[in-house]
């Protein structure tokens, strides 16, 4: 999604095709990225940051929804653009989500193919200006438990630490994960580092008894499933 360089204080100030509420109404909530859903909850940005950028910054700062959920109320309030009202809205929304999952675990999204991953993340990740690595945490039936943001920047063997990638799965006692990262160049072709990172994480997962089901690269020109390409697995 290309965001205008102008400042947009509210969702209504965005072009109609980019408004999360309009996209939710047209395509359904499941088609929206975490940033878009969070932007709907936050409603407004600041004079220097539109609401989508604010939502993305929060998810990056706290490493995904799990980190936001664990953040203290005062810690959220300390973030630029987040006062007590927005912090309360975030905490209330996350608590409702947790209660829904606990009451109806069978209704969680089931991730059975790369396309299901693309439906969740492609709209946002294919247009990111930097490389981001996210980890989908899955339960025993491949139902989505959480999406963790674990890296922002260059995704290569020099910076990736298995402990960071598997931290959420260990904490949530998840038996399987799917790794996703983007190529800002637009070309999803795996690099030598991408394949090496995949081999490294698959091996680490075996030691932890956590299955790495796939590593998917998302870009504007498409995607590559390293599992389907038999690269790194």
C-alpha atoms as a PDB file:
ATOM      1  CA  UNK A   1       0.000   0.000   0.000  1.00  0.00           C
ATOM      2  CA  UNK A   2       1.493   3.363  -1.023  1.00  0.00           C
ATOM      3  CA  UNK A   3       0.884   6.043   1.594  1.00  0.00           C
ATOM      4  CA  UNK A   4       0.772   9.712   0.548  1.00  0.00           C
ATOM      5  CA  UNK A   5       3.543  11.930   1.852  1.00  0.00           C
ATOM      6  CA  UNK A   6       0.906  14.353   3.127  1.00  0.00           C
ATOM      7  CA  UNK A   7      -0.089  14.108   6.747  1.00  0.00           C
ATOM      8  CA  UNK A   8      -3.468  12.443   7.300  1.00  0.00           C
ATOM      9  CA  UNK A   9      -4.872  12.964  10.765  1.00  0.00           C
ATOM     10  CA  UNK A  10      -7.824  10.637  10.439  1.00  0.00           C
ATOM     11  CA  UNK A  11      -8.756   7.587   8.409  1.00  0.00           C
ATOM     12  CA  UNK A  12     -11.286   9.709   6.480  1.00  0.00           C
ATOM     13  CA  UNK A  13      -8.448  11.904   5.196  1.00  0.00           C
ATOM     14  CA  UNK A  14      -6.919   8.947   3.325  1.00  0.00           C
ATOM     15  CA  UNK A  15      -7.843   8.181  -0.311  1.00  0.00           C
ATOM     16  CA  UNK A  16     -10.948   5.974  -0.296  1.00  0.00           C
ATOM     17  CA  UNK A  17      -9.107   2.932  -1.709  1.00  0.00           C
ATOM     18  CA  UNK A  18      -6.664   3.092   1.216  1.00  0.00           C
ATOM     19  CA  UNK A  19      -9.138   3.596   4.060  1.00  0.00           C
ATOM     20  CA  UNK A  20      -9.074   0.544   6.329  1.00  0.00           C
ATOM     21  CA  UNK A  21     -12.772   0.909   7.159  1.00  0.00           C
ATOM     22  CA  UNK A  22     -13.701   0.932   3.474  1.00  0.00           C
ATOM     23  CA  UNK A  23     -11.440  -2.047   2.795  1.00  0.00           C
ATOM     24  CA  UNK A  24     -12.960  -3.891   5.756  1.00  0.00           C
ATOM     25  CA  UNK A  25     -16.479  -3.228   4.490  1.00  0.00           C
ATOM     26  CA  UNK A  26     -15.607  -4.306   0.943  1.00  0.00           C
ATOM     27  CA  UNK A  27     -13.308  -7.267   1.578  1.00  0.00           C
ATOM     28  CA  UNK A  28     -13.938  -8.298   5.193  1.00  0.00           C
ATOM     29  CA  UNK A  29     -11.836  -7.910   8.330  1.00  0.00           C
ATOM     30  CA  UNK A  30      -9.721 -10.994   7.539  1.00  0.00           C
ATOM     31  CA  UNK A  31      -8.285  -9.244   4.467  1.00  0.00           C
ATOM     32  CA  UNK A  32      -6.836  -6.363   6.493  1.00  0.00           C
ATOM     33  CA  UNK A  33      -3.298  -6.299   7.843  1.00  0.00           C
ATOM     34  CA  UNK A  34      -2.598  -5.886  11.544  1.00  0.00           C
ATOM     35  CA  UNK A  35      -1.616  -2.258  10.893  1.00  0.00           C
ATOM     36  CA  UNK A  36      -4.922  -1.527   9.189  1.00  0.00           C
ATOM     37  CA  UNK A  37      -6.975  -3.135  11.940  1.00  0.00           C
ATOM     38  CA  UNK A  38      -4.994  -1.255  14.562  1.00  0.00           C
ATOM     39  CA  UNK A  39      -5.501   1.998  12.646  1.00  0.00           C
ATOM     40  CA  UNK A  40      -9.265   1.498  12.821  1.00  0.00           C
ATOM     41  CA  UNK A  41      -9.018   1.172  16.593  1.00  0.00           C
ATOM     42  CA  UNK A  42      -6.711   4.203  16.983  1.00  0.00           C
ATOM     43  CA  UNK A  43      -8.832   6.321  14.567  1.00  0.00           C
ATOM     44  CA  UNK A  44      -6.470   9.328  14.436  1.00  0.00           C
ATOM     45  CA  UNK A  45      -2.778  10.006  14.030  1.00  0.00           C
ATOM     46  CA  UNK A  46      -0.794  13.107  14.925  1.00  0.00           C
ATOM     47  CA  UNK A  47       0.157  16.296  13.038  1.00  0.00           C
ATOM     48  CA  UNK A  48       3.393  14.559  12.037  1.00  0.00           C
ATOM     49  CA  UNK A  49       2.229  10.975  11.515  1.00  0.00           C
ATOM     50  CA  UNK A  50      -0.858   9.509   9.864  1.00  0.00           C
ATOM     51  CA  UNK A  51      -2.770   6.822  11.669  1.00  0.00           C
ATOM     52  CA  UNK A  52      -1.508   3.945   9.504  1.00  0.00           C
ATOM     53  CA  UNK A  53       2.087   4.954  10.134  1.00  0.00           C
ATOM     54  CA  UNK A  54       1.334   5.249  13.839  1.00  0.00           C
ATOM     55  CA  UNK A  55      -0.157   1.743  13.877  1.00  0.00           C
ATOM     56  CA  UNK A  56       2.796   0.277  11.973  1.00  0.00           C
ATOM     57  CA  UNK A  57       5.274   1.999  14.291  1.00  0.00           C
ATOM     58  CA  UNK A  58       3.553   0.572  17.366  1.00  0.00           C
ATOM     59  CA  UNK A  59       3.574  -2.953  15.938  1.00  0.00           C
ATOM     60  CA  UNK A  60       7.269  -2.618  15.097  1.00  0.00           C
ATOM     61  CA  UNK A  61       8.182  -1.054  18.439  1.00  0.00           C
ATOM     62  CA  UNK A  62       6.441  -3.790  20.451  1.00  0.00           C
ATOM     63  CA  UNK A  63       7.163  -6.599  17.965  1.00  0.00           C
ATOM     64  CA  UNK A  64       3.643  -7.446  17.010  1.00  0.00           C
ATOM     65  CA  UNK A  65       0.291  -7.856  18.689  1.00  0.00           C
ATOM     66  CA  UNK A  66       1.747 -10.087  21.388  1.00  0.00           C
ATOM     67  CA  UNK A  67       4.147  -7.365  22.456  1.00  0.00           C
ATOM     68  CA  UNK A  68       1.379  -4.772  22.474  1.00  0.00           C
ATOM     69  CA  UNK A  69      -0.704  -7.072  24.627  1.00  0.00           C
ATOM     70  CA  UNK A  70       2.133  -7.510  27.115  1.00  0.00           C
ATOM     71  CA  UNK A  71       3.075  -3.822  27.225  1.00  0.00           C
ATOM     72  CA  UNK A  72       2.140  -1.968  30.396  1.00  0.00           C
ATOM     73  CA  UNK A  73      -0.520   0.737  30.184  1.00  0.00           C
ATOM     74  CA  UNK A  74       1.976   3.443  31.123  1.00  0.00           C
ATOM     75  CA  UNK A  75       4.428   2.122  28.545  1.00  0.00           C
ATOM     76  CA  UNK A  76       1.820   2.585  25.817  1.00  0.00           C
ATOM     77  CA  UNK A  77       0.949   6.059  27.048  1.00  0.00           C
ATOM     78  CA  UNK A  78       4.628   7.037  26.777  1.00  0.00           C
ATOM     79  CA  UNK A  79       4.589   6.442  23.016  1.00  0.00           C
ATOM     80  CA  UNK A  80       4.209   9.510  20.801  1.00  0.00           C
ATOM     81  CA  UNK A  81       0.611   9.845  19.647  1.00  0.00           C
ATOM     82  CA  UNK A  82      -0.770   7.468  22.289  1.00  0.00           C
ATOM     83  CA  UNK A  83      -2.445   9.002  25.291  1.00  0.00           C
ATOM     84  CA  UNK A  84      -4.569   7.351  27.947  1.00  0.00           C
ATOM     85  CA  UNK A  85      -7.640   7.150  25.703  1.00  0.00           C
ATOM     86  CA  UNK A  86      -5.850   5.348  22.870  1.00  0.00           C
ATOM     87  CA  UNK A  87      -3.976   3.095  25.301  1.00  0.00           C
ATOM     88  CA  UNK A  88      -7.307   2.126  26.858  1.00  0.00           C
ATOM     89  CA  UNK A  89      -8.810   1.444  23.426  1.00  0.00           C
ATOM     90  CA  UNK A  90      -5.870  -0.811  22.526  1.00  0.00           C
ATOM     91  CA  UNK A  91      -5.989  -2.741  25.792  1.00  0.00           C
ATOM     92  CA  UNK A  92      -9.764  -3.198  25.546  1.00  0.00           C
ATOM     93  CA  UNK A  93      -9.572  -4.439  21.921  1.00  0.00           C
ATOM     94  CA  UNK A  94      -6.765  -6.879  22.706  1.00  0.00           C
ATOM     95  CA  UNK A  95      -8.635  -8.221  25.716  1.00  0.00           C
ATOM     96  CA  UNK A  96     -11.782  -8.758  23.637  1.00  0.00           C
ATOM     97  CA  UNK A  97      -9.709 -10.637  21.070  1.00  0.00           C
ATOM     98  CA  UNK A  98      -8.188 -12.820  23.769  1.00  0.00           C
ATOM     99  CA  UNK A  99     -11.608 -13.611  25.236  1.00  0.00           C
ATOM    100  CA  UNK A 100     -12.983 -14.513  21.815  1.00  0.00           C
ATOM    101  CA  UNK A 101     -10.088 -16.877  21.140  1.00  0.00           C
ATOM    102  CA  UNK A 102     -10.476 -18.500  24.534  1.00  0.00           C
ATOM    103  CA  UNK A 103     -14.206 -19.040  24.002  1.00  0.00           C
ATOM    104  CA  UNK A 104     -14.093 -20.098  20.347  1.00  0.00           C
ATOM    105  CA  UNK A 105     -10.679 -21.494  19.403  1.00  0.00           C
ATOM    106  CA  UNK A 106     -12.192 -23.279  16.407  1.00  0.00           C
ATOM    107  CA  UNK A 107     -12.859 -19.899  14.758  1.00  0.00           C
ATOM    108  CA  UNK A 108      -9.201 -18.900  14.422  1.00  0.00           C
ATOM    109  CA  UNK A 109      -7.836 -18.562  10.893  1.00  0.00           C
ATOM    110  CA  UNK A 110      -6.455 -21.859   9.602  1.00  0.00           C
ATOM    111  CA  UNK A 111      -3.226 -21.525   7.646  1.00  0.00           C
ATOM    112  CA  UNK A 112      -3.044 -24.404   5.177  1.00  0.00           C
ATOM    113  CA  UNK A 113      -1.327 -22.813   2.175  1.00  0.00           C
ATOM    114  CA  UNK A 114       0.935 -19.939   1.130  1.00  0.00           C
ATOM    115  CA  UNK A 115      -2.159 -18.199  -0.244  1.00  0.00           C
ATOM    116  CA  UNK A 116      -3.652 -18.036   3.250  1.00  0.00           C
ATOM    117  CA  UNK A 117      -0.472 -16.288   4.408  1.00  0.00           C
ATOM    118  CA  UNK A 118      -0.652 -13.866   1.485  1.00  0.00           C
ATOM    119  CA  UNK A 119      -4.256 -13.041   2.347  1.00  0.00           C
ATOM    120  CA  UNK A 120      -3.110 -11.982   5.795  1.00  0.00           C
ATOM    121  CA  UNK A 121       0.085 -10.111   5.006  1.00  0.00           C
ATOM    122  CA  UNK A 122       0.618  -9.357   1.326  1.00  0.00           C
ATOM    123  CA  UNK A 123      -1.345  -6.086   1.156  1.00  0.00           C
ATOM    124  CA  UNK A 124       0.937  -4.520   3.748  1.00  0.00           C
ATOM    125  CA  UNK A 125       4.269  -6.312   3.451  1.00  0.00           C
ATOM    126  CA  UNK A 126       4.698  -6.122  -0.319  1.00  0.00           C
ATOM    127  CA  UNK A 127       5.003  -2.320  -0.097  1.00  0.00           C
ATOM    128  CA  UNK A 128       7.238  -1.950   2.968  1.00  0.00           C
ATOM    129  CA  UNK A 129      10.378   0.092   2.326  1.00  0.00           C
ATOM    130  CA  UNK A 130      12.606  -2.107   4.485  1.00  0.00           C
ATOM    131  CA  UNK A 131      12.860  -5.839   4.972  1.00  0.00           C
ATOM    132  CA  UNK A 132      10.660  -7.122   7.781  1.00  0.00           C
ATOM    133  CA  UNK A 133      10.536 -10.657   9.137  1.00  0.00           C
ATOM    134  CA  UNK A 134       7.357 -11.894  10.783  1.00  0.00           C
ATOM    135  CA  UNK A 135       6.553 -15.246  12.320  1.00  0.00           C
ATOM    136  CA  UNK A 136       3.104 -16.832  12.263  1.00  0.00           C
ATOM    137  CA  UNK A 137       2.560 -18.911  15.392  1.00  0.00           C
ATOM    138  CA  UNK A 138       0.308 -21.917  14.809  1.00  0.00           C
ATOM    139  CA  UNK A 139      -1.390 -24.439  17.059  1.00  0.00           C
ATOM    140  CA  UNK A 140      -1.622 -28.204  16.515  1.00  0.00           C
ATOM    141  CA  UNK A 141      -4.344 -27.712  13.880  1.00  0.00           C
ATOM    142  CA  UNK A 142      -2.469 -24.967  12.020  1.00  0.00           C
ATOM    143  CA  UNK A 143      -4.778 -22.327  13.458  1.00  0.00           C
ATOM    144  CA  UNK A 144      -3.221 -18.885  13.767  1.00  0.00           C
ATOM    145  CA  UNK A 145      -2.378 -17.951  17.343  1.00  0.00           C
ATOM    146  CA  UNK A 146      -0.360 -14.793  16.798  1.00  0.00           C
ATOM    147  CA  UNK A 147       1.852 -12.930  14.332  1.00  0.00           C
ATOM    148  CA  UNK A 148       5.186 -11.749  15.733  1.00  0.00           C
ATOM    149  CA  UNK A 149       7.380  -9.099  14.108  1.00  0.00           C
ATOM    150  CA  UNK A 150      10.923 -10.248  14.868  1.00  0.00           C
ATOM    151  CA  UNK A 151      13.182  -8.220  12.575  1.00  0.00           C
ATOM    152  CA  UNK A 152      13.188  -4.958  10.661  1.00  0.00           C
ATOM    153  CA  UNK A 153      16.099  -4.289   8.357  1.00  0.00           C
ATOM    154  CA  UNK A 154      18.410  -6.651   6.520  1.00  0.00           C
ATOM    155  CA  UNK A 155      17.322 -10.285   6.855  1.00  0.00           C
ATOM    156  CA  UNK A 156      20.535 -12.285   6.640  1.00  0.00           C
ATOM    157  CA  UNK A 157      22.613 -14.834   8.491  1.00  0.00           C
ATOM    158  CA  UNK A 158      24.651 -12.114  10.198  1.00  0.00           C
ATOM    159  CA  UNK A 159      21.704 -10.686  12.157  1.00  0.00           C
ATOM    160  CA  UNK A 160      19.154 -13.489  12.549  1.00  0.00           C
ATOM    161  CA  UNK A 161      19.095 -15.129  15.968  1.00  0.00           C
ATOM    162  CA  UNK A 162      17.043 -18.283  16.341  1.00  0.00           C
ATOM    163  CA  UNK A 163      16.121 -17.285  19.895  1.00  0.00           C
ATOM    164  CA  UNK A 164      14.285 -14.202  18.594  1.00  0.00           C
ATOM    165  CA  UNK A 165      12.475 -16.128  15.857  1.00  0.00           C
ATOM    166  CA  UNK A 166      11.254 -18.913  18.158  1.00  0.00           C
ATOM    167  CA  UNK A 167      10.667 -16.818  21.296  1.00  0.00           C
ATOM    168  CA  UNK A 168       6.936 -16.377  20.660  1.00  0.00           C
ATOM    169  CA  UNK A 169       6.378 -20.033  19.776  1.00  0.00           C
ATOM    170  CA  UNK A 170       8.134 -21.152  22.948  1.00  0.00           C
ATOM    171  CA  UNK A 171       6.175 -18.644  25.061  1.00  0.00           C
ATOM    172  CA  UNK A 172       2.834 -19.666  23.524  1.00  0.00           C
ATOM    173  CA  UNK A 173       3.734 -23.373  23.405  1.00  0.00           C
ATOM    174  CA  UNK A 174       3.092 -23.446  19.639  1.00  0.00           C
ATOM    175  CA  UNK A 175       4.277 -26.564  17.782  1.00  0.00           C
ATOM    176  CA  UNK A 176       4.678 -24.907  14.375  1.00  0.00           C
ATOM    177  CA  UNK A 177       5.585 -21.600  12.755  1.00  0.00           C
ATOM    178  CA  UNK A 178       5.684 -20.028   9.304  1.00  0.00           C
ATOM    179  CA  UNK A 179       8.362 -17.430   8.592  1.00  0.00           C
ATOM    180  CA  UNK A 180       7.533 -14.510   6.304  1.00  0.00           C
ATOM    181  CA  UNK A 181       9.659 -11.660   5.054  1.00  0.00           C
ATOM    182  CA  UNK A 182       9.460  -9.120   2.253  1.00  0.00           C
ATOM    183  CA  UNK A 183      11.765  -7.958  -0.540  1.00  0.00           C
ATOM    184  CA  UNK A 184      11.467  -4.166  -1.006  1.00  0.00           C
ATOM    185  CA  UNK A 185      13.133  -4.563  -4.436  1.00  0.00           C
ATOM    186  CA  UNK A 186       9.882  -6.078  -5.702  1.00  0.00           C
ATOM    187  CA  UNK A 187      11.538  -9.353  -6.755  1.00  0.00           C
ATOM    188  CA  UNK A 188      10.640 -12.312  -4.491  1.00  0.00           C
ATOM    189  CA  UNK A 189      13.492 -14.522  -5.741  1.00  0.00           C
ATOM    190  CA  UNK A 190      15.289 -16.009  -2.679  1.00  0.00           C
ATOM    191  CA  UNK A 191      18.828 -14.830  -2.099  1.00  0.00           C
ATOM    192  CA  UNK A 192      21.687 -17.008  -0.884  1.00  0.00           C
ATOM    193  CA  UNK A 193      21.149 -15.509   2.577  1.00  0.00           C
ATOM    194  CA  UNK A 194      17.414 -16.288   2.457  1.00  0.00           C
ATOM    195  CA  UNK A 195      18.147 -19.957   1.804  1.00  0.00           C
ATOM    196  CA  UNK A 196      20.894 -20.075   4.447  1.00  0.00           C
ATOM    197  CA  UNK A 197      18.614 -18.444   7.042  1.00  0.00           C
ATOM    198  CA  UNK A 198      15.898 -20.979   6.228  1.00  0.00           C
ATOM    199  CA  UNK A 199      18.267 -23.924   6.709  1.00  0.00           C
ATOM    200  CA  UNK A 200      19.478 -22.423   9.987  1.00  0.00           C
ATOM    201  CA  UNK A 201      15.962 -21.941  11.355  1.00  0.00           C
ATOM    202  CA  UNK A 202      14.664 -25.323  10.192  1.00  0.00           C
ATOM    203  CA  UNK A 203      17.576 -26.962  12.045  1.00  0.00           C
ATOM    204  CA  UNK A 204      16.945 -24.867  15.170  1.00  0.00           C
ATOM    205  CA  UNK A 205      13.261 -25.751  15.044  1.00  0.00           C
ATOM    206  CA  UNK A 206      14.064 -29.456  15.063  1.00  0.00           C
ATOM    207  CA  UNK A 207      16.106 -28.981  18.231  1.00  0.00           C
ATOM    208  CA  UNK A 208      13.189 -27.136  19.852  1.00  0.00           C
ATOM    209  CA  UNK A 209      10.574 -29.581  18.502  1.00  0.00           C
ATOM    210  CA  UNK A 210       8.913 -26.746  16.604  1.00  0.00           C
ATOM    211  CA  UNK A 211       8.154 -27.332  12.924  1.00  0.00           C
ATOM    212  CA  UNK A 212       9.087 -24.615  10.456  1.00  0.00           C
ATOM    213  CA  UNK A 213       6.318 -25.252   7.935  1.00  0.00           C
ATOM    214  CA  UNK A 214       7.412 -22.671   5.372  1.00  0.00           C
ATOM    215  CA  UNK A 215       9.427 -19.539   4.709  1.00  0.00           C
ATOM    216  CA  UNK A 216       7.543 -17.210   2.374  1.00  0.00           C
ATOM    217  CA  UNK A 217       9.011 -14.183   0.622  1.00  0.00           C
ATOM    218  CA  UNK A 218       6.515 -11.468  -0.326  1.00  0.00           C
ATOM    219  CA  UNK A 219       7.204  -8.759  -2.922  1.00  0.00           C
ATOM    220  CA  UNK A 220       5.283  -6.537  -5.323  1.00  0.00           C
ATOM    221  CA  UNK A 221       6.006  -8.956  -8.182  1.00  0.00           C
ATOM    222  CA  UNK A 222       4.618 -11.971  -6.337  1.00  0.00           C
ATOM    223  CA  UNK A 223       5.837 -14.429  -3.746  1.00  0.00           C
ATOM    224  CA  UNK A 224       8.025 -17.485  -3.294  1.00  0.00           C
ATOM    225  CA  UNK A 225       7.373 -20.338  -0.895  1.00  0.00           C
ATOM    226  CA  UNK A 226      10.767 -21.811  -0.085  1.00  0.00           C
ATOM    227  CA  UNK A 227       9.003 -25.004   0.991  1.00  0.00           C
ATOM    228  CA  UNK A 228       7.362 -25.349  -2.419  1.00  0.00           C
ATOM    229  CA  UNK A 229      10.655 -24.424  -4.112  1.00  0.00           C
ATOM    230  CA  UNK A 230      12.495 -26.993  -1.971  1.00  0.00           C
ATOM    231  CA  UNK A 231      15.069 -24.398  -0.945  1.00  0.00           C
ATOM    232  CA  UNK A 232      16.301 -24.603   2.611  1.00  0.00           C
ATOM    233  CA  UNK A 233      14.022 -27.492   3.557  1.00  0.00           C
END
